[in-house]
PDB file of N, CA and C in Angstrom:
ATOM      1  N   MET A   1      84.957 116.602 -54.717  1.00  0.00           N
ATOM      2  CA  MET A   1      84.453 117.731 -55.497  1.00  0.00           C
ATOM      3  C   MET A   1      83.011 117.488 -55.938  1.00  0.00           C
ATOM      4  N   GLN A   2      82.224 118.521 -55.823  1.00  0.00           N
ATOM      5  CA  GLN A   2      80.822 118.439 -56.198  1.00  0.00           C
ATOM      6  C   GLN A   2      80.685 118.457 -57.720  1.00  0.00           C
ATOM      7  N   GLU A   3      79.704 117.753 -58.197  1.00  0.00           N
ATOM      8  CA  GLU A   3      79.464 117.739 -59.632  1.00  0.00           C
ATOM      9  C   GLU A   3      78.778 119.027 -60.064  1.00  0.00           C
ATOM     10  N   GLN A   4      79.164 119.511 -61.219  1.00  0.00           N
ATOM     11  CA  GLN A   4      78.563 120.731 -61.746  1.00  0.00           C
ATOM     12  C   GLN A   4      77.083 120.560 -62.026  1.00  0.00           C
ATOM     13  N   LYS A   5      76.373 121.650 -61.866  1.00  0.00           N
ATOM     14  CA  LYS A   5      74.954 121.683 -62.213  1.00  0.00           C
ATOM     15  C   LYS A   5      74.808 122.473 -63.511  1.00  0.00           C
ATOM     16  N   THR A   6      73.874 122.044 -64.341  1.00  0.00           N
ATOM     17  CA  THR A   6      73.628 122.704 -65.617  1.00  0.00           C
ATOM     18  C   THR A   6      72.158 123.075 -65.733  1.00  0.00           C
ATOM     19  N   PHE A   7      71.908 124.240 -66.306  1.00  0.00           N
ATOM     20  CA  PHE A   7      70.545 124.676 -66.577  1.00  0.00           C
ATOM     21  C   PHE A   7      70.456 125.101 -68.034  1.00  0.00           C
ATOM     22  N   ARG A   8      69.391 124.673 -68.704  1.00  0.00           N
ATOM     23  CA  ARG A   8      69.129 125.108 -70.081  1.00  0.00           C
ATOM     24  C   ARG A   8      67.684 125.557 -70.189  1.00  0.00           C
ATOM     25  N   CYS A   9      67.467 126.688 -70.840  1.00  0.00           N
ATOM     26  CA  CYS A   9      66.097 127.179 -71.030  1.00  0.00           C
ATOM     27  C   CYS A   9      65.251 126.169 -71.790  1.00  0.00           C
ATOM     28  N   LYS A  10      65.879 125.428 -72.690  1.00  0.00           N
ATOM     29  CA  LYS A  10      65.146 124.407 -73.460  1.00  0.00           C
ATOM     30  C   LYS A  10      64.434 123.427 -72.529  1.00  0.00           C
ATOM     31  N   ASP A  11      65.046 123.149 -71.374  1.00  0.00           N
ATOM     32  CA  ASP A  11      64.444 122.212 -70.422  1.00  0.00           C
ATOM     33  C   ASP A  11      63.195 122.789 -69.754  1.00  0.00           C
ATOM     34  N   LEU A  12      62.986 124.087 -69.912  1.00  0.00           N
ATOM     35  CA  LEU A  12      61.753 124.709 -69.428  1.00  0.00           C
ATOM     36  C   LEU A  12      60.737 124.816 -70.562  1.00  0.00           C
ATOM     37  N   GLY A  13      61.113 124.305 -71.726  1.00  0.00           N
ATOM     38  CA  GLY A  13      60.229 124.377 -72.875  1.00  0.00           C
ATOM     39  C   GLY A  13      60.306 125.713 -73.592  1.00  0.00           C
ATOM     40  N   LEU A  14      61.369 126.461 -73.326  1.00  0.00           N
ATOM     41  CA  LEU A  14      61.530 127.766 -73.957  1.00  0.00           C
ATOM     42  C   LEU A  14      62.393 127.635 -75.213  1.00  0.00           C
ATOM     43  N   ALA A  15      62.051 128.385 -76.231  1.00  0.00           N
ATOM     44  CA  ALA A  15      62.832 128.377 -77.472  1.00  0.00           C
ATOM     45  C   ALA A  15      64.013 129.325 -77.292  1.00  0.00           C
ATOM     46  N   CYS A  16      64.980 128.881 -76.524  1.00  0.00           N
ATOM     47  CA  CYS A  16      66.107 129.724 -76.142  1.00  0.00           C
ATOM     48  C   CYS A  16      67.347 128.855 -76.025  1.00  0.00           C
ATOM     49  N   GLU A  17      68.472 129.372 -76.502  1.00  0.00           N
ATOM     50  CA  GLU A  17      69.722 128.607 -76.494  1.00  0.00           C
ATOM     51  C   GLU A  17      70.525 128.810 -75.208  1.00  0.00           C
ATOM     52  N   PHE A  18      69.984 129.589 -74.272  1.00  0.00           N
ATOM     53  CA  PHE A  18      70.720 129.882 -73.044  1.00  0.00           C
ATOM     54  C   PHE A  18      71.056 128.613 -72.271  1.00  0.00           C
ATOM     55  N   GLU A  19      72.314 128.518 -71.869  1.00  0.00           N
ATOM     56  CA  GLU A  19      72.769 127.397 -71.040  1.00  0.00           C
ATOM     57  C   GLU A  19      73.780 127.936 -70.046  1.00  0.00           C
ATOM     58  N   GLU A  20      73.673 127.508 -68.811  1.00  0.00           N
ATOM     59  CA  GLU A  20      74.583 127.983 -67.767  1.00  0.00           C
ATOM     60  C   GLU A  20      75.018 126.820 -66.907  1.00  0.00           C
ATOM     61  N   LYS A  21      76.264 126.884 -66.446  1.00  0.00           N
ATOM     62  CA  LYS A  21      76.799 125.855 -65.548  1.00  0.00           C
ATOM     63  C   LYS A  21      77.352 126.536 -64.311  1.00  0.00           C
ATOM     64  N   ALA A  22      77.310 125.821 -63.199  1.00  0.00           N
ATOM     65  CA  ALA A  22      77.876 126.342 -61.959  1.00  0.00           C
ATOM     66  C   ALA A  22      78.273 125.178 -61.066  1.00  0.00           C
ATOM     67  N   GLU A  23      79.042 125.494 -60.038  1.00  0.00           N
ATOM     68  CA  GLU A  23      79.544 124.467 -59.118  1.00  0.00           C
ATOM     69  C   GLU A  23      78.440 123.842 -58.272  1.00  0.00           C
ATOM     70  N   ASN A  24      77.382 124.625 -57.997  1.00  0.00           N
ATOM     71  CA  ASN A  24      76.297 124.101 -57.168  1.00  0.00           C
ATOM     72  C   ASN A  24      74.979 124.793 -57.515  1.00  0.00           C
ATOM     73  N   GLU A  25      73.915 124.293 -56.934  1.00  0.00           N
ATOM     74  CA  GLU A  25      72.572 124.791 -57.237  1.00  0.00           C
ATOM     75  C   GLU A  25      72.395 126.262 -56.881  1.00  0.00           C
ATOM     76  N   LYS A  26      72.933 126.653 -55.734  1.00  0.00           N
ATOM     77  CA  LYS A  26      72.774 128.031 -55.274  1.00  0.00           C
ATOM     78  C   LYS A  26      73.434 129.016 -56.241  1.00  0.00           C
ATOM     79  N   GLU A  27      74.640 128.701 -56.658  1.00  0.00           N
ATOM     80  CA  GLU A  27      75.378 129.555 -57.590  1.00  0.00           C
ATOM     81  C   GLU A  27      74.690 129.589 -58.956  1.00  0.00           C
ATOM     82  N   LEU A  28      74.220 128.426 -59.396  1.00  0.00           N
ATOM     83  CA  LEU A  28      73.538 128.340 -60.681  1.00  0.00           C
ATOM     84  C   LEU A  28      72.256 129.159 -60.658  1.00  0.00           C
ATOM     85  N   MET A  29      71.525 129.076 -59.573  1.00  0.00           N
ATOM     86  CA  MET A  29      70.278 129.828 -59.429  1.00  0.00           C
ATOM     87  C   MET A  29      70.558 131.323 -59.575  1.00  0.00           C
ATOM     88  N   LYS A  30      71.641 131.799 -58.955  1.00  0.00           N
ATOM     89  CA  LYS A  30      72.004 133.212 -59.041  1.00  0.00           C
ATOM     90  C   LYS A  30      72.252 133.628 -60.491  1.00  0.00           C
ATOM     91  N   ARG A  31      72.938 132.787 -61.225  1.00  0.00           N
ATOM     92  CA  ARG A  31      73.282 133.097 -62.616  1.00  0.00           C
ATOM     93  C   ARG A  31      72.070 133.039 -63.537  1.00  0.00           C
ATOM     94  N   VAL A  32      71.155 132.132 -63.257  1.00  0.00           N
ATOM     95  CA  VAL A  32      69.990 131.915 -64.117  1.00  0.00           C
ATOM     96  C   VAL A  32      68.910 132.977 -63.878  1.00  0.00           C
ATOM     97  N   GLU A  33      68.782 133.432 -62.634  1.00  0.00           N
ATOM     98  CA  GLU A  33      67.709 134.376 -62.280  1.00  0.00           C
ATOM     99  C   GLU A  33      67.708 135.624 -63.150  1.00  0.00           C
ATOM    100  N   GLY A  34      68.867 136.212 -63.362  1.00  0.00           N
ATOM    101  CA  GLY A  34      68.949 137.426 -64.176  1.00  0.00           C
ATOM    102  C   GLY A  34      68.507 137.171 -65.601  1.00  0.00           C
ATOM    103  N   HIS A  35      68.896 136.030 -66.122  1.00  0.00           N
ATOM    104  CA  HIS A  35      68.528 135.701 -67.504  1.00  0.00           C
ATOM    105  C   HIS A  35      67.025 135.509 -67.659  1.00  0.00           C
ATOM    106  N   VAL A  36      66.421 134.710 -66.792  1.00  0.00           N
ATOM    107  CA  VAL A  36      64.979 134.451 -66.956  1.00  0.00           C
ATOM    108  C   VAL A  36      64.159 135.719 -66.749  1.00  0.00           C
ATOM    109  N   GLN A  37      64.678 136.622 -65.933  1.00  0.00           N
ATOM    110  CA  GLN A  37      63.968 137.872 -65.689  1.00  0.00           C
ATOM    111  C   GLN A  37      64.029 138.778 -66.919  1.00  0.00           C
ATOM    112  N   THR A  38      65.223 138.956 -67.490  1.00  0.00           N
ATOM    113  CA  THR A  38      65.357 139.878 -68.621  1.00  0.00           C
ATOM    114  C   THR A  38      64.894 139.258 -69.936  1.00  0.00           C
ATOM    115  N   ALA A  39      65.226 138.008 -70.183  1.00  0.00           N
ATOM    116  CA  ALA A  39      64.926 137.390 -71.470  1.00  0.00           C
ATOM    117  C   ALA A  39      63.505 136.835 -71.554  1.00  0.00           C
ATOM    118  N   HIS A  40      62.953 136.390 -70.424  1.00  0.00           N
ATOM    119  CA  HIS A  40      61.660 135.695 -70.468  1.00  0.00           C
ATOM    120  C   HIS A  40      60.587 136.329 -69.579  1.00  0.00           C
ATOM    121  N   GLN A  41      60.898 137.494 -68.995  1.00  0.00           N
ATOM    122  CA  GLN A  41      59.945 138.209 -68.127  1.00  0.00           C
ATOM    123  C   GLN A  41      59.362 137.304 -67.038  1.00  0.00           C
ATOM    124  N   MET A  42      60.196 136.389 -66.534  1.00  0.00           N
ATOM    125  CA  MET A  42      59.765 135.537 -65.419  1.00  0.00           C
ATOM    126  C   MET A  42      60.294 136.166 -64.132  1.00  0.00           C
ATOM    127  N   ASN A  43      59.504 136.139 -63.085  1.00  0.00           N
ATOM    128  CA  ASN A  43      59.923 136.724 -61.816  1.00  0.00           C
ATOM    129  C   ASN A  43      60.717 135.702 -61.008  1.00  0.00           C
ATOM    130  N   PRO A  44      62.051 135.898 -60.872  1.00  0.00           N
ATOM    131  CA  PRO A  44      62.873 134.931 -60.157  1.00  0.00           C
ATOM    132  C   PRO A  44      62.603 134.888 -58.651  1.00  0.00           C
ATOM    133  N   GLU A  45      61.884 135.894 -58.136  1.00  0.00           N
ATOM    134  CA  GLU A  45      61.536 135.922 -56.711  1.00  0.00           C
ATOM    135  C   GLU A  45      60.364 134.984 -56.420  1.00  0.00           C
ATOM    136  N   HIS A  46      59.623 134.663 -57.456  1.00  0.00           N
ATOM    137  CA  HIS A  46      58.407 133.855 -57.310  1.00  0.00           C
ATOM    138  C   HIS A  46      58.777 132.400 -57.017  1.00  0.00           C
ATOM    139  N   PRO A  47      58.233 131.811 -55.952  1.00  0.00           N
ATOM    140  CA  PRO A  47      58.555 130.413 -55.601  1.00  0.00           C
ATOM    141  C   PRO A  47      58.277 129.429 -56.730  1.00  0.00           C
ATOM    142  N   GLU A  48      57.228 129.676 -57.511  1.00  0.00           N
ATOM    143  CA  GLU A  48      56.886 128.795 -58.622  1.00  0.00           C
ATOM    144  C   GLU A  48      57.985 128.815 -59.694  1.00  0.00           C
ATOM    145  N   THR A  49      58.512 129.998 -59.955  1.00  0.00           N
ATOM    146  CA  THR A  49      59.593 130.146 -60.932  1.00  0.00           C
ATOM    147  C   THR A  49      60.849 129.454 -60.427  1.00  0.00           C
ATOM    148  N   GLN A  50      61.166 129.644 -59.154  1.00  0.00           N
ATOM    149  CA  GLN A  50      62.341 129.000 -58.558  1.00  0.00           C
ATOM    150  C   GLN A  50      62.233 127.484 -58.636  1.00  0.00           C
ATOM    151  N   GLU A  51      61.043 126.987 -58.397  1.00  0.00           N
ATOM    152  CA  GLU A  51      60.802 125.547 -58.450  1.00  0.00           C
ATOM    153  C   GLU A  51      61.007 125.014 -59.869  1.00  0.00           C
ATOM    154  N   LYS A  52      60.483 125.730 -60.857  1.00  0.00           N
ATOM    155  CA  LYS A  52      60.653 125.341 -62.261  1.00  0.00           C
ATOM    156  C   LYS A  52      62.127 125.274 -62.629  1.00  0.00           C
ATOM    157  N   ILE A  53      62.875 126.297 -62.211  1.00  0.00           N
ATOM    158  CA  ILE A  53      64.308 126.352 -62.511  1.00  0.00           C
ATOM    159  C   ILE A  53      65.035 125.184 -61.854  1.00  0.00           C
ATOM    160  N   ARG A  54      64.739 124.934 -60.581  1.00  0.00           N
ATOM    161  CA  ARG A  54      65.388 123.825 -59.859  1.00  0.00           C
ATOM    162  C   ARG A  54      65.123 122.475 -60.547  1.00  0.00           C
ATOM    163  N   LYS A  55      63.881 122.273 -60.965  1.00  0.00           N
ATOM    164  CA  LYS A  55      63.527 121.002 -61.613  1.00  0.00           C
ATOM    165  C   LYS A  55      64.229 120.821 -62.959  1.00  0.00           C
ATOM    166  N   ALA A  56      64.536 121.947 -63.615  1.00  0.00           N
ATOM    167  CA  ALA A  56      65.201 121.888 -64.922  1.00  0.00           C
ATOM    168  C   ALA A  56      66.708 121.683 -64.794  1.00  0.00           C
ATOM    169  N   MET A  57      67.240 121.878 -63.587  1.00  0.00           N
ATOM    170  CA  MET A  57      68.675 121.700 -63.379  1.00  0.00           C
ATOM    171  C   MET A  57      69.064 120.237 -63.473  1.00  0.00           C
ATOM    172  N   LYS A  58      70.216 119.991 -64.094  1.00  0.00           N
ATOM    173  CA  LYS A  58      70.706 118.623 -64.240  1.00  0.00           C
ATOM    174  C   LYS A  58      72.060 118.487 -63.593  1.00  0.00           C
TER     175      LYS A  58
END
């Protein structure tokens, strides 16, 4: 079984309590994209944003 991946907005330096977990990076990315777009006006389609999110995943 694959280890869960976790993402927290705090790890991006954002003052936000949002935290999400998923079975893998791809699934986690899907769940996080909507949040960063609506809550932080970040464009999830942008490669730079995707890279930031990936680096913040644990």
